[in-house]
Amino acid sequence: MQIEQLKQIEFERREEELKNAKKQDLKFLNQKKQKLHITYVMTWTGICGGTKIILEHANRLTKLGHKVTLISHDKKPNWFSMEKQVEFIEVPWEEVLCTKIPKCDLIVVTYWREIYEAINQKIAPVIYFEQGDYHLFAPEKLDKRLENFIQKQLEVVSFIYTVSSYAKQKIKERFNKEATIIPNAINTNVFFYKEHTKNKEIAVAMIGAQQTDFKRINNILKALEELKNEGYKFKINWITPTKPLESNIKCIINPPQIEIGNTLRNSDIYICASVYESFCLPVLEAMACGATVITTNNGGNMDFVSDGKNALIIKQDNIEDMKDKIKILSNDEILKKELTKNALETSKQYHWDIIIPQIEEYYRNVAKYEVI
């Protein structure tokens, strides 16, 4: 049987179970455990920012002495260097995913599909880690059946945390649920500042797949093409997880993390044109590497982006505004240096050695509960 058929069977089974779903029944023990066994339930393990964050959690919590298990129908990711102590359980698609969750202190569900299935195992308190997707930011893409499915999943979970004020706001608006905010962070072994020799042509970086419409990669390409026709010269550093649909521009496809860092360090400008993001980690990574940022207000980046201070904000879907901001940075080196300097200071607030203790403390507090 094909995976898509198995996914449909899985969805229908979960939908049926939700008809009688109840909120997880927990008892507060107030016994703080120093070392935890944490299981992350992962819907997928492919290359994307959300997966990278989960794997960073796993590595860094492991280094702090906690036991971390990752469980998924997907393959163990080979694109990210994982600590040897991190346990990975691949569950065949024919089997019920969450029935393979080991005995542990805490279950972190990383996508809404598995929330009640994890609760239904009655093993440990369940946390939903919301990193955002179309169900928060583009609800018009949901049919009534799927909207109802997601609503019921979120109704039964007691603990939700997310990565930005914008995502928290959308969770409240869409599902009437409160969430704790713990932001994402930068891997400073990969994303760090190193002064580079000034490029002969302005090096402009962007990250995203042309197929992912909300990233608006085509807007950036169009703006740069029009500026080239006006006489500006650019080197385009386009990092994408997948081969572009239509483009004769040389791309960096599916590179290792260190190559992404090196590319950003050798870029003069980084452009983000997204119409929505839950956090927008690439903008922060670009700041940490010294690329001056031009970005839309896409919601998730507003916790750390300040127009005219550490970046220039452009209007969404406005090619002319993007062109104007690129021209400004191309011709005003003093402004560019000031924005970059302030951006580097901003990025220092989002290191993992600051953020991971917040996650650790949050997990310890939830682990004070036990399932009744």
Protein backbone atom coordinates (compact mmCIF):
# COMPACT_ATOMS: atom_id res chain seq x y z
CA MET A 1 0.00 0.00 0.00
CA GLN A 2 1.27 3.50 -0.89
CA ILE A 3 2.29 5.91 1.90
CA GLU A 4 -0.40 8.42 0.87
CA GLN A 5 -3.06 5.73 1.30
CA LEU A 6 -1.62 4.82 4.71
CA LYS A 7 -1.66 8.49 5.71
CA GLN A 8 -5.34 8.72 4.78
CA ILE A 9 -6.16 5.61 6.80
CA GLU A 10 -4.22 7.08 9.73
CA PHE A 11 -6.12 10.37 9.50
CA GLU A 12 -9.50 8.65 9.41
CA ARG A 13 -8.60 6.50 12.42
CA ARG A 14 -7.49 9.55 14.41
CA GLU A 15 -10.61 11.44 13.36
CA GLU A 16 -12.78 8.62 14.67
CA GLU A 17 -10.90 8.52 18.01
CA LEU A 18 -11.38 12.28 18.42
CA LYS A 19 -15.17 11.91 18.56
CA ASN A 20 -14.90 10.81 22.19
CA ALA A 21 -11.69 12.63 23.07
CA LYS A 22 -11.29 14.18 26.51
CA LYS A 23 -8.67 16.55 27.88
CA GLN A 24 -5.67 14.78 29.39
CA ASP A 25 -6.37 13.95 33.05
CA LEU A 26 -3.38 15.01 35.15
CA LYS A 27 -2.45 15.21 38.81
CA PHE A 28 0.04 17.78 40.12
CA LEU A 29 2.72 16.16 42.28
CA ASN A 30 5.08 19.12 42.70
CA GLN A 31 8.09 16.79 42.60
CA LYS A 32 10.73 18.40 40.44
CA LYS A 33 12.86 15.97 38.46
CA GLN A 34 16.33 17.16 37.53
CA LYS A 35 16.93 14.66 34.73
CA LEU A 36 14.09 13.84 32.36
CA HIS A 37 13.30 11.36 29.65
CA ILE A 38 11.68 13.45 26.90
CA THR A 39 10.05 11.96 23.81
CA TYR A 40 9.48 14.13 20.74
CA VAL A 41 6.81 12.89 18.33
CA MET A 42 7.79 14.06 14.84
CA THR A 43 5.46 14.16 11.84
CA TRP A 44 8.38 14.48 9.44
CA THR A 45 12.16 14.68 9.56
CA GLY A 46 12.97 16.30 6.21
CA ILE A 47 14.96 19.48 5.70
CA CYS A 48 13.13 22.51 7.06
CA GLY A 49 13.54 25.09 9.79
CA GLY A 50 11.01 23.44 12.09
CA THR A 51 12.76 20.08 11.97
CA LYS A 52 16.13 21.75 12.57
CA ILE A 53 14.82 23.36 15.77
CA ILE A 54 13.55 20.02 17.13
CA LEU A 55 16.89 18.36 16.42
CA GLU A 56 18.70 21.25 18.14
CA HIS A 57 16.47 20.68 21.17
CA ALA A 58 17.34 16.99 21.16
CA ASN A 59 21.09 17.56 20.94
CA ARG A 60 21.26 20.29 23.54
CA LEU A 61 18.96 18.64 26.08
CA THR A 62 21.04 15.47 25.70
CA LYS A 63 24.22 17.44 26.45
CA LEU A 64 22.54 18.68 29.64
CA GLY A 65 22.11 15.08 30.79
CA HIS A 66 18.51 14.41 29.77
CA LYS A 67 17.48 11.35 27.77
CA VAL A 68 15.83 12.29 24.48
CA THR A 69 13.89 9.98 22.19
CA LEU A 70 12.66 10.98 18.74
CA ILE A 71 9.84 8.92 17.20
CA SER A 72 8.52 9.22 13.66
CA HIS A 73 7.18 7.36 10.63
CA ASP A 74 9.92 9.17 8.69
CA LYS A 75 13.55 8.12 8.35
CA LYS A 76 16.25 9.24 10.74
CA PRO A 77 17.53 12.57 9.36
CA ASN A 78 20.95 12.27 7.76
CA TRP A 79 21.25 15.97 6.94
CA PHE A 80 21.74 17.08 10.55
CA SER A 81 24.49 15.97 12.93
CA MET A 82 22.77 14.35 15.91
CA GLU A 83 24.32 13.40 19.23
CA LYS A 84 24.92 9.63 19.44
CA GLN A 85 22.94 9.40 22.68
CA VAL A 86 19.73 10.66 21.01
CA GLU A 87 17.48 7.66 20.46
CA PHE A 88 15.58 7.56 17.16
CA ILE A 89 12.63 5.20 16.66
CA GLU A 90 11.35 4.76 13.13
CA VAL A 91 7.84 3.30 13.16
CA PRO A 92 6.54 1.55 10.01
CA TRP A 93 3.64 3.38 8.39
CA GLU A 94 1.45 0.32 8.85
CA GLU A 95 1.73 0.67 12.65
CA VAL A 96 0.15 3.24 14.99
CA LEU A 97 2.89 5.81 15.61
CA CYS A 98 2.29 6.78 19.24
CA THR A 99 1.89 3.21 20.49
CA LYS A 100 5.67 3.01 20.17
CA ILE A 101 6.31 5.88 22.58
CA PRO A 102 8.55 4.51 25.37
CA LYS A 103 7.92 5.02 29.06
CA CYS A 104 9.08 8.60 29.69
CA ASP A 105 8.54 11.73 31.80
CA LEU A 106 7.26 13.98 29.05
CA ILE A 107 5.88 13.77 25.50
CA VAL A 108 6.38 16.71 23.13
CA VAL A 109 4.12 16.56 20.08
CA THR A 110 5.53 18.70 17.28
CA TYR A 111 2.50 18.84 14.97
CA TRP A 112 -1.23 18.82 15.61
CA ARG A 113 -1.88 15.50 13.89
CA GLU A 114 -0.57 13.39 16.76
CA ILE A 115 -1.80 15.31 19.83
CA TYR A 116 -4.66 13.07 20.94
CA GLU A 117 -2.95 9.88 19.81
CA ALA A 118 -0.10 10.74 22.21
CA ILE A 119 -2.51 11.63 25.03
CA ASN A 120 -4.41 8.41 24.46
CA GLN A 121 -1.34 6.34 25.38
CA LYS A 122 -1.63 7.62 29.00
CA ILE A 123 2.14 7.52 29.48
CA ALA A 124 3.13 11.07 30.46
CA PRO A 125 2.02 14.71 30.26
CA VAL A 126 1.74 15.89 26.65
CA ILE A 127 3.03 19.26 25.43
CA TYR A 128 2.17 20.62 22.01
CA PHE A 129 5.10 22.52 20.46
CA GLU A 130 3.52 24.85 17.87
CA GLN A 131 5.94 26.15 15.24
CA GLY A 132 3.24 27.47 12.94
CA ASP A 133 1.94 26.52 9.52
CA TYR A 134 -0.98 27.30 7.22
CA HIS A 135 -3.50 26.25 9.90
CA LEU A 136 -2.46 29.38 11.85
CA PHE A 137 -1.59 31.84 9.11
CA ALA A 138 -3.63 30.80 6.05
CA PRO A 139 -6.82 29.17 7.44
CA GLU A 140 -8.58 29.70 4.11
CA LYS A 141 -6.65 26.64 2.91
CA LEU A 142 -8.51 24.44 5.42
CA ASP A 143 -11.76 22.73 4.61
CA LYS A 144 -14.34 22.43 7.40
CA ARG A 145 -13.45 18.82 8.13
CA LEU A 146 -9.74 19.53 8.67
CA GLU A 147 -10.46 22.71 10.63
CA ASN A 148 -12.68 20.73 12.99
CA PHE A 149 -10.02 18.03 13.32
CA ILE A 150 -7.34 20.55 14.33
CA GLN A 151 -9.68 22.38 16.71
CA LYS A 152 -10.47 19.16 18.58
CA GLN A 153 -6.80 18.22 18.79
CA LEU A 154 -5.91 21.50 20.47
CA GLU A 155 -8.89 21.34 22.83
CA VAL A 156 -7.55 18.23 24.60
CA VAL A 157 -3.97 19.34 25.28
CA SER A 158 -3.15 21.20 28.50
CA PHE A 159 0.26 22.63 27.61
CA ILE A 160 1.21 24.58 24.48
CA TYR A 161 4.35 26.54 23.79
CA THR A 162 5.36 28.42 20.69
CA VAL A 163 8.17 30.53 19.28
CA SER A 164 6.89 34.11 18.93
CA SER A 165 4.33 36.67 20.05
CA TYR A 166 2.74 36.45 16.61
CA ALA A 167 2.26 32.69 16.81
CA LYS A 168 0.87 33.02 20.35
CA GLN A 169 -1.61 35.63 19.11
CA LYS A 170 -2.75 33.41 16.24
CA ILE A 171 -3.19 30.37 18.52
CA LYS A 172 -5.49 32.48 20.70
CA GLU A 173 -7.41 33.92 17.74
CA ARG A 174 -7.84 30.66 15.87
CA PHE A 175 -8.25 28.12 18.67
CA ASN A 176 -8.85 30.14 21.84
CA LYS A 177 -5.87 28.54 23.56
CA GLU A 178 -3.13 30.17 25.60
CA ALA A 179 0.51 29.43 24.82
CA THR A 180 3.88 30.03 26.46
CA ILE A 181 6.51 31.77 24.32
CA ILE A 182 10.04 30.36 24.14
CA PRO A 183 11.87 31.69 21.08
CA ASN A 184 14.13 29.86 18.70
CA ALA A 185 17.89 30.33 18.81
CA ILE A 186 21.03 30.34 16.67
CA ASN A 187 23.66 27.64 16.46
CA THR A 188 26.72 29.85 17.01
CA ASN A 189 29.07 27.12 15.76
CA VAL A 190 27.49 27.62 12.34
CA PHE A 191 26.06 31.14 12.30
CA PHE A 192 28.65 33.65 13.50
CA TYR A 193 30.20 36.90 12.30
CA LYS A 194 33.43 37.06 10.34
CA GLU A 195 34.34 40.13 8.34
CA HIS A 196 34.59 39.35 4.66
CA THR A 197 36.33 41.08 1.79
CA LYS A 198 34.00 43.46 0.00
CA ASN A 199 32.50 41.77 -3.05
CA LYS A 200 33.04 43.27 -6.51
CA GLU A 201 29.32 42.80 -7.09
CA ILE A 202 26.76 43.12 -4.27
CA ALA A 203 26.08 39.61 -2.96
CA VAL A 204 22.39 39.14 -2.18
CA ALA A 205 21.26 36.05 -0.26
CA MET A 206 17.83 34.46 0.12
CA ILE A 207 16.65 31.17 1.56
CA GLY A 208 13.57 29.27 0.46
CA ALA A 209 12.02 27.04 -2.15
CA GLN A 210 10.41 28.60 -5.20
CA GLN A 211 7.60 26.09 -4.74
CA THR A 212 6.76 27.46 -1.27
CA ASP A 213 4.47 30.30 -2.26
CA PHE A 214 4.36 32.20 1.05
CA LYS A 215 8.15 32.71 0.88
CA ARG A 216 7.65 34.86 -2.25
CA ILE A 217 11.03 33.94 -3.72
CA ASN A 218 9.79 35.01 -7.15
CA ASN A 219 9.27 38.55 -5.84
CA ILE A 220 12.95 38.74 -4.90
CA LEU A 221 14.05 37.34 -8.25
CA LYS A 222 11.84 39.84 -10.09
CA ALA A 223 13.16 42.80 -8.07
CA LEU A 224 16.79 41.81 -8.71
CA GLU A 225 16.15 41.24 -12.41
CA GLU A 226 14.57 44.69 -12.78
CA LEU A 227 17.48 46.30 -10.91
CA LYS A 228 19.96 44.52 -13.20
CA ASN A 229 18.12 46.04 -16.14
CA GLU A 230 18.65 49.43 -14.48
CA GLY A 231 22.40 48.84 -14.35
CA TYR A 232 22.89 47.35 -10.88
CA LYS A 233 25.11 44.28 -10.62
CA PHE A 234 24.43 41.46 -8.17
CA LYS A 235 25.70 38.06 -7.24
CA ILE A 236 22.74 35.99 -6.10
CA ASN A 237 23.29 33.47 -3.28
CA TRP A 238 20.07 31.47 -3.39
CA ILE A 239 19.83 28.61 -0.90
CA THR A 240 16.93 26.25 -1.51
CA PRO A 241 15.99 22.80 -0.15
CA THR A 242 14.66 21.75 -3.57
CA LYS A 243 15.53 22.38 -7.21
CA PRO A 244 13.71 25.47 -8.54
CA LEU A 245 10.77 25.01 -10.88
CA GLU A 246 11.85 27.73 -13.28
CA SER A 247 15.08 29.65 -13.03
CA ASN A 248 18.38 29.89 -14.83
CA ILE A 249 20.04 31.21 -11.67
CA LYS A 250 22.65 28.98 -10.10
CA CYS A 251 21.35 27.75 -6.72
CA ILE A 252 22.81 26.14 -3.65
CA ILE A 253 20.54 23.13 -3.25
CA ASN A 254 20.13 21.32 0.04
CA PRO A 255 23.53 22.34 1.49
CA PRO A 256 24.94 21.32 4.89
CA GLN A 257 24.36 23.84 7.68
CA ILE A 258 27.95 25.11 7.71
CA GLU A 259 27.70 25.98 4.01
CA ILE A 260 24.58 28.03 4.76
CA GLY A 261 26.56 29.89 7.42
CA ASN A 262 29.50 30.46 5.07
CA THR A 263 27.17 31.74 2.34
CA LEU A 264 25.51 34.23 4.69
CA ARG A 265 28.93 35.39 5.94
CA ASN A 266 29.92 36.15 2.36
CA SER A 267 26.68 37.97 1.52
CA ASP A 268 26.22 41.73 1.73
CA ILE A 269 22.40 41.74 1.89
CA TYR A 270 19.85 39.15 2.97
CA ILE A 271 16.27 39.48 1.70
CA CYS A 272 13.16 37.85 3.15
CA ALA A 273 9.87 38.44 1.30
CA SER A 274 7.60 36.04 3.24
CA VAL A 275 3.98 36.97 3.83
CA TYR A 276 3.95 35.00 7.09
CA GLU A 277 6.41 33.18 9.34
CA SER A 278 6.07 31.79 12.85
CA PHE A 279 9.58 33.01 13.79
CA CYS A 280 11.74 33.48 10.66
CA LEU A 281 15.00 31.97 11.90
CA PRO A 282 16.94 32.60 8.63
CA VAL A 283 16.61 36.36 9.17
CA LEU A 284 18.14 36.02 12.63
CA GLU A 285 20.87 33.72 11.28
CA ALA A 286 21.67 36.27 8.57
CA MET A 287 21.92 38.98 11.23
CA ALA A 288 24.36 36.82 13.22
CA CYS A 289 26.52 36.33 10.11
CA GLY A 290 26.72 40.02 9.28
CA ALA A 291 24.46 40.17 6.21
CA THR A 292 22.34 43.35 6.29
CA VAL A 293 18.66 42.37 6.34
CA ILE A 294 15.77 43.57 4.20
CA THR A 295 12.56 41.85 5.28
CA THR A 296 8.80 42.04 5.24
CA ASN A 297 6.86 42.27 8.47
CA ASN A 298 5.84 38.61 8.36
CA GLY A 299 4.64 38.45 11.95
CA GLY A 300 7.11 36.05 13.50
CA ASN A 301 10.15 38.27 12.99
CA MET A 302 8.66 41.27 14.77
CA ASP A 303 9.98 40.12 18.16
CA PHE A 304 13.52 40.88 17.00
CA VAL A 305 13.35 43.09 13.88
CA SER A 306 13.23 46.88 14.26
CA ASP A 307 12.86 48.96 11.10
CA GLY A 308 15.73 51.37 10.57
CA LYS A 309 17.61 50.03 13.58
CA ASN A 310 18.73 46.48 12.74
CA ALA A 311 16.98 45.93 9.38
CA LEU A 312 14.88 47.61 6.70
CA ILE A 313 11.25 46.53 6.51
CA ILE A 314 9.51 46.32 3.13
CA LYS A 315 5.84 46.12 2.25
CA GLN A 316 4.55 42.66 1.38
CA ASP A 317 4.23 41.86 -2.33
CA ASN A 318 5.62 45.26 -3.27
CA ILE A 319 8.42 44.93 -5.80
CA GLU A 320 9.07 48.68 -6.02
CA ASP A 321 9.53 49.02 -2.26
CA MET A 322 11.95 46.09 -2.28
CA LYS A 323 13.93 47.66 -5.10
CA ASP A 324 14.05 51.00 -3.28
CA LYS A 325 15.44 49.38 -0.10
CA ILE A 326 18.05 47.42 -2.08
CA LYS A 327 19.15 50.67 -3.74
CA ILE A 328 19.42 52.39 -0.35
CA LEU A 329 21.74 49.70 1.04
CA SER A 330 23.72 49.58 -2.20
CA ASN A 331 24.46 53.31 -1.97
CA ASP A 332 24.60 54.04 1.77
CA GLU A 333 27.49 52.20 3.39
CA ILE A 334 27.17 54.13 6.68
CA LEU A 335 23.54 53.02 7.14
CA LYS A 336 24.41 49.47 6.11
CA LYS A 337 27.18 49.26 8.73
CA GLU A 338 24.91 50.69 11.44
CA LEU A 339 22.12 48.21 10.70
CA THR A 340 24.60 45.32 10.67
CA LYS A 341 26.20 46.38 13.95
CA ASN A 342 22.82 46.57 15.69
CA ALA A 343 21.69 43.28 14.13
CA LEU A 344 24.75 41.51 15.54
CA GLU A 345 23.83 42.79 19.02
CA THR A 346 20.23 41.60 18.54
CA SER A 347 21.34 38.12 17.52
CA LYS A 348 23.33 37.72 20.75
CA GLN A 349 20.04 37.58 22.67
CA TYR A 350 19.07 34.39 20.81
CA HIS A 351 21.89 31.96 21.56
CA TRP A 352 21.03 28.43 22.64
CA ASP A 353 22.88 28.85 25.93
CA ILE A 354 20.22 31.47 26.78
CA ILE A 355 17.17 29.73 25.29
CA ILE A 356 17.68 26.04 26.10
CA PRO A 357 17.59 26.60 29.91
CA GLN A 358 14.15 28.18 29.41
CA ILE A 359 12.96 25.06 27.58
CA GLU A 360 14.54 22.82 30.22
CA GLU A 361 12.78 24.67 33.06
CA TYR A 362 9.44 24.59 31.22
CA TYR A 363 9.76 20.84 30.71
CA ARG A 364 10.67 20.26 34.35
CA ASN A 365 7.59 22.16 35.49
CA VAL A 366 5.26 20.17 33.20
CA ALA A 367 6.92 16.93 34.31
CA LYS A 368 5.65 17.65 37.84
CA TYR A 369 2.31 16.31 36.62
CA GLU A 370 1.46 12.63 36.22
CA VAL A 371 -1.26 10.98 34.20
CA ILE A 372 -4.24 9.70 36.16
